[in-house]
C-alpha atoms as a PDB file:
ATOM      1  CA  UNK A   1      32.197  11.572  67.442  1.00  0.00           C
ATOM      2  CA  UNK A   2      34.792   9.213  68.905  1.00  0.00           C
ATOM      3  CA  UNK A   3      37.710   7.921  66.838  1.00  0.00           C
ATOM      4  CA  UNK A   4      39.664   4.791  67.635  1.00  0.00           C
ATOM      5  CA  UNK A   5      43.087   3.351  66.798  1.00  0.00           C
ATOM      6  CA  UNK A   6      44.312   4.346  63.304  1.00  0.00           C
ATOM      7  CA  UNK A   7      41.539   6.908  62.812  1.00  0.00           C
ATOM      8  CA  UNK A   8      42.474   8.717  66.020  1.00  0.00           C
ATOM      9  CA  UNK A   9      46.056   8.967  64.773  1.00  0.00           C
ATOM     10  CA  UNK A  10      44.962  10.194  61.324  1.00  0.00           C
ATOM     11  CA  UNK A  11      42.704  12.899  62.765  1.00  0.00           C
ATOM     12  CA  UNK A  12      45.179  13.822  65.488  1.00  0.00           C
ATOM     13  CA  UNK A  13      42.538  13.768  68.223  1.00  0.00           C
ATOM     14  CA  UNK A  14      40.291  11.174  69.895  1.00  0.00           C
ATOM     15  CA  UNK A  15      37.012  13.113  69.649  1.00  0.00           C
ATOM     16  CA  UNK A  16      35.319  15.480  67.229  1.00  0.00           C
ATOM     17  CA  UNK A  17      32.324  17.676  67.996  1.00  0.00           C
ATOM     18  CA  UNK A  18      30.228  18.354  64.895  1.00  0.00           C
ATOM     19  CA  UNK A  19      27.158  20.591  64.627  1.00  0.00           C
ATOM     20  CA  UNK A  20      24.634  19.500  61.995  1.00  0.00           C
ATOM     21  CA  UNK A  21      21.220  20.800  60.908  1.00  0.00           C
ATOM     22  CA  UNK A  22      18.057  19.034  62.029  1.00  0.00           C
ATOM     23  CA  UNK A  23      17.270  15.865  60.094  1.00  0.00           C
ATOM     24  CA  UNK A  24      20.911  15.212  59.217  1.00  0.00           C
ATOM     25  CA  UNK A  25      21.959  11.636  58.565  1.00  0.00           C
ATOM     26  CA  UNK A  26      25.055   9.654  59.351  1.00  0.00           C
ATOM     27  CA  UNK A  27      26.096  10.134  55.714  1.00  0.00           C
ATOM     28  CA  UNK A  28      25.917  13.926  56.218  1.00  0.00           C
ATOM     29  CA  UNK A  29      28.121  13.664  59.280  1.00  0.00           C
ATOM     30  CA  UNK A  30      30.679  11.482  57.531  1.00  0.00           C
ATOM     31  CA  UNK A  31      30.792  13.873  54.581  1.00  0.00           C
ATOM     32  CA  UNK A  32      31.572  16.739  56.967  1.00  0.00           C
ATOM     33  CA  UNK A  33      34.254  14.731  58.736  1.00  0.00           C
ATOM     34  CA  UNK A  34      35.870  13.604  55.462  1.00  0.00           C
ATOM     35  CA  UNK A  35      36.026  17.241  54.318  1.00  0.00           C
ATOM     36  CA  UNK A  36      37.840  18.197  57.507  1.00  0.00           C
ATOM     37  CA  UNK A  37      40.070  15.104  57.493  1.00  0.00           C
ATOM     38  CA  UNK A  38      40.470  13.919  53.853  1.00  0.00           C
ATOM     39  CA  UNK A  39      42.801  11.046  54.792  1.00  0.00           C
ATOM     40  CA  UNK A  40      39.967   9.360  56.688  1.00  0.00           C
ATOM     41  CA  UNK A  41      37.960   8.969  53.475  1.00  0.00           C
ATOM     42  CA  UNK A  42      40.554   6.493  52.241  1.00  0.00           C
ATOM     43  CA  UNK A  43      39.350   4.076  54.920  1.00  0.00           C
ATOM     44  CA  UNK A  44      35.648   4.464  54.049  1.00  0.00           C
ATOM     45  CA  UNK A  45      35.093   1.028  52.460  1.00  0.00           C
ATOM     46  CA  UNK A  46      36.140  -0.935  55.571  1.00  0.00           C
ATOM     47  CA  UNK A  47      35.230   1.574  58.277  1.00  0.00           C
ATOM     48  CA  UNK A  48      32.994   0.399  61.116  1.00  0.00           C
ATOM     49  CA  UNK A  49      30.500   3.071  62.161  1.00  0.00           C
ATOM     50  CA  UNK A  50      28.291   2.912  65.258  1.00  0.00           C
ATOM     51  CA  UNK A  51      25.645   5.243  66.644  1.00  0.00           C
ATOM     52  CA  UNK A  52      25.037   4.951  70.382  1.00  0.00           C
ATOM     53  CA  UNK A  53      26.928   1.626  70.493  1.00  0.00           C
ATOM     54  CA  UNK A  54      25.003   0.004  67.609  1.00  0.00           C
ATOM     55  CA  UNK A  55      26.308  -0.479  64.059  1.00  0.00           C
ATOM     56  CA  UNK A  56      24.468   1.884  61.717  1.00  0.00           C
ATOM     57  CA  UNK A  57      24.096   2.469  57.988  1.00  0.00           C
ATOM     58  CA  UNK A  58      24.613   5.864  56.283  1.00  0.00           C
ATOM     59  CA  UNK A  59      20.870   6.615  56.082  1.00  0.00           C
ATOM     60  CA  UNK A  60      20.506   6.630  59.889  1.00  0.00           C
ATOM     61  CA  UNK A  61      19.065   9.944  61.098  1.00  0.00           C
ATOM     62  CA  UNK A  62      20.964  11.555  63.944  1.00  0.00           C
ATOM     63  CA  UNK A  63      19.557  13.196  67.060  1.00  0.00           C
ATOM     64  CA  UNK A  64      21.055  15.811  69.359  1.00  0.00           C
ATOM     65  CA  UNK A  65      23.593  14.219  71.647  1.00  0.00           C
ATOM     66  CA  UNK A  66      24.108  11.031  69.628  1.00  0.00           C
ATOM     67  CA  UNK A  67      27.514   9.447  70.046  1.00  0.00           C
ATOM     68  CA  UNK A  68      29.034   8.261  66.761  1.00  0.00           C
ATOM     69  CA  UNK A  69      32.102   6.037  66.750  1.00  0.00           C
ATOM     70  CA  UNK A  70      34.488   5.420  63.849  1.00  0.00           C
ATOM     71  CA  UNK A  71      36.394   2.166  64.212  1.00  0.00           C
ATOM     72  CA  UNK A  72      38.908   0.328  62.022  1.00  0.00           C
ATOM     73  CA  UNK A  73      38.199  -3.282  61.039  1.00  0.00           C
ATOM     74  CA  UNK A  74      38.618  -5.847  63.795  1.00  0.00           C
ATOM     75  CA  UNK A  75      39.238  -9.615  63.848  1.00  0.00           C
ATOM     76  CA  UNK A  76      42.407  -9.485  61.793  1.00  0.00           C
ATOM     77  CA  UNK A  77      41.212  -6.983  59.201  1.00  0.00           C
ATOM     78  CA  UNK A  78      37.602  -8.005  58.682  1.00  0.00           C
ATOM     79  CA  UNK A  79      35.037  -5.412  57.717  1.00  0.00           C
ATOM     80  CA  UNK A  80      31.570  -4.926  59.199  1.00  0.00           C
ATOM     81  CA  UNK A  81      29.491  -8.113  59.669  1.00  0.00           C
ATOM     82  CA  UNK A  82      27.278  -7.195  56.703  1.00  0.00           C
ATOM     83  CA  UNK A  83      28.011  -4.968  53.752  1.00  0.00           C
ATOM     84  CA  UNK A  84      27.252  -4.252  50.088  1.00  0.00           C
ATOM     85  CA  UNK A  85      30.258  -3.349  47.977  1.00  0.00           C
ATOM     86  CA  UNK A  86      31.707  -2.717  44.544  1.00  0.00           C
ATOM     87  CA  UNK A  87      34.475  -4.966  43.283  1.00  0.00           C
ATOM     88  CA  UNK A  88      35.687  -8.424  44.187  1.00  0.00           C
ATOM     89  CA  UNK A  89      34.946  -9.814  47.643  1.00  0.00           C
ATOM     90  CA  UNK A  90      37.983 -10.754  49.735  1.00  0.00           C
ATOM     91  CA  UNK A  91      36.940 -14.285  50.675  1.00  0.00           C
ATOM     92  CA  UNK A  92      39.890 -14.797  53.017  1.00  0.00           C
ATOM     93  CA  UNK A  93      38.925 -11.649  54.919  1.00  0.00           C
ATOM     94  CA  UNK A  94      35.313 -12.786  55.269  1.00  0.00           C
ATOM     95  CA  UNK A  95      36.436 -16.197  56.485  1.00  0.00           C
ATOM     96  CA  UNK A  96      38.845 -14.683  59.012  1.00  0.00           C
ATOM     97  CA  UNK A  97      36.069 -12.474  60.376  1.00  0.00           C
ATOM     98  CA  UNK A  98      34.148 -15.460  61.782  1.00  0.00           C
ATOM     99  CA  UNK A  99      36.999 -17.601  63.060  1.00  0.00           C
ATOM    100  CA  UNK A 100      37.124 -18.063  66.826  1.00  0.00           C
ATOM    101  CA  UNK A 101      38.538 -20.505  69.346  1.00  0.00           C
ATOM    102  CA  UNK A 102      34.925 -21.017  70.457  1.00  0.00           C
ATOM    103  CA  UNK A 103      33.938 -22.300  66.992  1.00  0.00           C
ATOM    104  CA  UNK A 104      34.450 -25.936  66.093  1.00  0.00           C
ATOM    105  CA  UNK A 105      32.839 -25.440  62.670  1.00  0.00           C
ATOM    106  CA  UNK A 106      33.292 -22.731  60.048  1.00  0.00           C
ATOM    107  CA  UNK A 107      31.109 -22.796  56.919  1.00  0.00           C
ATOM    108  CA  UNK A 108      31.757 -20.639  53.853  1.00  0.00           C
ATOM    109  CA  UNK A 109      29.194 -20.219  51.042  1.00  0.00           C
ATOM    110  CA  UNK A 110      30.161 -18.562  47.762  1.00  0.00           C
ATOM    111  CA  UNK A 111      27.445 -17.557  45.312  1.00  0.00           C
ATOM    112  CA  UNK A 112      29.224 -17.273  41.944  1.00  0.00           C
ATOM    113  CA  UNK A 113      28.098 -16.157  38.484  1.00  0.00           C
ATOM    114  CA  UNK A 114      27.763 -19.287  36.378  1.00  0.00           C
ATOM    115  CA  UNK A 115      28.100 -19.612  32.614  1.00  0.00           C
ATOM    116  CA  UNK A 116      24.493 -20.081  31.505  1.00  0.00           C
ATOM    117  CA  UNK A 117      23.884 -19.847  27.727  1.00  0.00           C
ATOM    118  CA  UNK A 118      24.176 -16.257  26.550  1.00  0.00           C
ATOM    119  CA  UNK A 119      25.255 -14.915  29.959  1.00  0.00           C
ATOM    120  CA  UNK A 120      28.537 -12.979  30.157  1.00  0.00           C
ATOM    121  CA  UNK A 121      27.925 -11.270  33.481  1.00  0.00           C
ATOM    122  CA  UNK A 122      25.226 -10.297  35.971  1.00  0.00           C
ATOM    123  CA  UNK A 123      24.279  -6.767  37.005  1.00  0.00           C
ATOM    124  CA  UNK A 124      23.056  -6.271  40.577  1.00  0.00           C
ATOM    125  CA  UNK A 125      20.849  -3.330  41.456  1.00  0.00           C
ATOM    126  CA  UNK A 126      20.590  -2.608  45.189  1.00  0.00           C
ATOM    127  CA  UNK A 127      18.340  -0.455  47.339  1.00  0.00           C
ATOM    128  CA  UNK A 128      21.368  -0.095  49.548  1.00  0.00           C
ATOM    129  CA  UNK A 129      20.111   1.490  52.768  1.00  0.00           C
ATOM    130  CA  UNK A 130      17.288  -1.021  53.079  1.00  0.00           C
ATOM    131  CA  UNK A 131      19.430  -3.936  51.882  1.00  0.00           C
ATOM    132  CA  UNK A 132      22.096  -3.317  54.525  1.00  0.00           C
ATOM    133  CA  UNK A 133      19.416  -2.996  57.197  1.00  0.00           C
ATOM    134  CA  UNK A 134      17.745  -6.253  56.131  1.00  0.00           C
ATOM    135  CA  UNK A 135      21.057  -8.088  55.871  1.00  0.00           C
ATOM    136  CA  UNK A 136      21.938  -7.014  59.404  1.00  0.00           C
ATOM    137  CA  UNK A 137      18.532  -8.148  60.666  1.00  0.00           C
ATOM    138  CA  UNK A 138      19.001 -11.541  59.006  1.00  0.00           C
ATOM    139  CA  UNK A 139      22.529 -11.888  60.315  1.00  0.00           C
ATOM    140  CA  UNK A 140      21.466 -11.033  63.872  1.00  0.00           C
ATOM    141  CA  UNK A 141      18.472 -13.388  63.649  1.00  0.00           C
ATOM    142  CA  UNK A 142      20.698 -16.230  62.419  1.00  0.00           C
ATOM    143  CA  UNK A 143      23.163 -15.715  65.260  1.00  0.00           C
ATOM    144  CA  UNK A 144      20.305 -16.069  67.754  1.00  0.00           C
ATOM    145  CA  UNK A 145      18.374 -18.814  65.928  1.00  0.00           C
ATOM    146  CA  UNK A 146      21.359 -21.129  65.410  1.00  0.00           C
ATOM    147  CA  UNK A 147      23.477 -20.102  68.409  1.00  0.00           C
ATOM    148  CA  UNK A 148      26.319 -19.022  66.137  1.00  0.00           C
ATOM    149  CA  UNK A 149      29.697 -17.794  67.202  1.00  0.00           C
ATOM    150  CA  UNK A 150      29.757 -15.294  64.324  1.00  0.00           C
ATOM    151  CA  UNK A 151      28.398 -14.587  60.845  1.00  0.00           C
ATOM    152  CA  UNK A 152      29.414 -12.256  58.015  1.00  0.00           C
ATOM    153  CA  UNK A 153      27.423 -11.547  54.833  1.00  0.00           C
ATOM    154  CA  UNK A 154      28.848  -9.585  51.886  1.00  0.00           C
ATOM    155  CA  UNK A 155      26.989  -8.884  48.630  1.00  0.00           C
ATOM    156  CA  UNK A 156      28.254  -7.153  45.507  1.00  0.00           C
ATOM    157  CA  UNK A 157      26.521  -4.437  43.545  1.00  0.00           C
ATOM    158  CA  UNK A 158      26.995  -3.497  39.921  1.00  0.00           C
ATOM    159  CA  UNK A 159      28.422  -5.797  37.262  1.00  0.00           C
ATOM    160  CA  UNK A 160      29.879  -9.168  38.293  1.00  0.00           C
ATOM    161  CA  UNK A 161      31.724 -11.174  35.599  1.00  0.00           C
ATOM    162  CA  UNK A 162      31.477 -14.922  35.042  1.00  0.00           C
ATOM    163  CA  UNK A 163      33.159 -16.983  37.729  1.00  0.00           C
ATOM    164  CA  UNK A 164      33.337 -14.193  40.291  1.00  0.00           C
ATOM    165  CA  UNK A 165      31.445 -14.249  43.588  1.00  0.00           C
ATOM    166  CA  UNK A 166      28.358 -12.080  43.916  1.00  0.00           C
ATOM    167  CA  UNK A 167      27.616 -13.036  47.542  1.00  0.00           C
ATOM    168  CA  UNK A 168      29.646 -14.586  50.347  1.00  0.00           C
ATOM    169  CA  UNK A 169      28.287 -15.925  53.628  1.00  0.00           C
ATOM    170  CA  UNK A 170      30.510 -17.194  56.423  1.00  0.00           C
ATOM    171  CA  UNK A 171      29.134 -18.743  59.608  1.00  0.00           C
ATOM    172  CA  UNK A 172      30.867 -20.242  62.619  1.00  0.00           C
ATOM    173  CA  UNK A 173      29.395 -22.239  65.465  1.00  0.00           C
ATOM    174  CA  UNK A 174      30.479 -24.744  68.101  1.00  0.00           C
ATOM    175  CA  UNK A 175      29.098 -27.571  65.897  1.00  0.00           C
ATOM    176  CA  UNK A 176      28.773 -28.070  62.121  1.00  0.00           C
ATOM    177  CA  UNK A 177      25.023 -28.718  61.952  1.00  0.00           C
ATOM    178  CA  UNK A 178      24.167 -25.216  63.137  1.00  0.00           C
ATOM    179  CA  UNK A 179      26.789 -23.544  60.934  1.00  0.00           C
ATOM    180  CA  UNK A 180      25.540 -25.307  57.777  1.00  0.00           C
ATOM    181  CA  UNK A 181      21.889 -24.642  58.623  1.00  0.00           C
ATOM    182  CA  UNK A 182      22.514 -20.963  59.338  1.00  0.00           C
ATOM    183  CA  UNK A 183      24.304 -20.335  56.043  1.00  0.00           C
ATOM    184  CA  UNK A 184      21.518 -22.021  54.073  1.00  0.00           C
ATOM    185  CA  UNK A 185      18.774 -20.209  55.976  1.00  0.00           C
ATOM    186  CA  UNK A 186      20.367 -16.810  55.464  1.00  0.00           C
ATOM    187  CA  UNK A 187      20.817 -17.354  51.722  1.00  0.00           C
ATOM    188  CA  UNK A 188      17.164 -18.416  51.360  1.00  0.00           C
ATOM    189  CA  UNK A 189      16.069 -15.271  53.231  1.00  0.00           C
ATOM    190  CA  UNK A 190      18.415 -13.001  51.259  1.00  0.00           C
ATOM    191  CA  UNK A 191      16.784 -14.135  48.019  1.00  0.00           C
ATOM    192  CA  UNK A 192      13.310 -13.742  49.536  1.00  0.00           C
ATOM    193  CA  UNK A 193      13.473 -10.471  51.489  1.00  0.00           C
ATOM    194  CA  UNK A 194      16.525  -8.340  50.635  1.00  0.00           C
ATOM    195  CA  UNK A 195      16.001  -5.676  47.900  1.00  0.00           C
ATOM    196  CA  UNK A 196      18.726  -6.792  45.483  1.00  0.00           C
ATOM    197  CA  UNK A 197      17.859  -7.521  41.856  1.00  0.00           C
ATOM    198  CA  UNK A 198      19.962  -9.157  39.175  1.00  0.00           C
ATOM    199  CA  UNK A 199      19.812  -8.926  35.396  1.00  0.00           C
ATOM    200  CA  UNK A 200      21.739 -10.924  32.811  1.00  0.00           C
ATOM    201  CA  UNK A 201      24.206  -9.321  30.407  1.00  0.00           C
END
């Protein structure tokens, strides 16, 4: 495992060698690392994790010789390009994550809980490992399909009160047509293919 920037300083070394049993997952590895270096767990919610130079979710199974990298947020504090989280979404952070001097258009979509009759909040149930995988596939497909500069998708899980955002999509592109189209396309596909269910409360 390679550690970069703040995480290297917290752990006191740039690399860790960890032996795991066969069939272990990335989550198993992270649990072992957090036990050895408890301060690293405090960064878990925004930590970027890659396996063999590709972003990976906790359910990823590891093989002998895999290189895992732990990286702090980049692009001025932004988290990974897709994620599912508890608690309020930092819209400014999501927006900052897609800004670039190569982008002439930046589109931000906020899906908020509206005050329908009898509704006080929405509860979101998530099959998280699959949802993160599907969100990443959609994000990567949108970047290719619409020639985007960048895209970030964040969805909440659990209870979301009235007026708060349950999903945020930010897209940037050289021109506005592609940025608008990409955000709309991704939201349509999220509702159609990503295993996230909502119930009214």
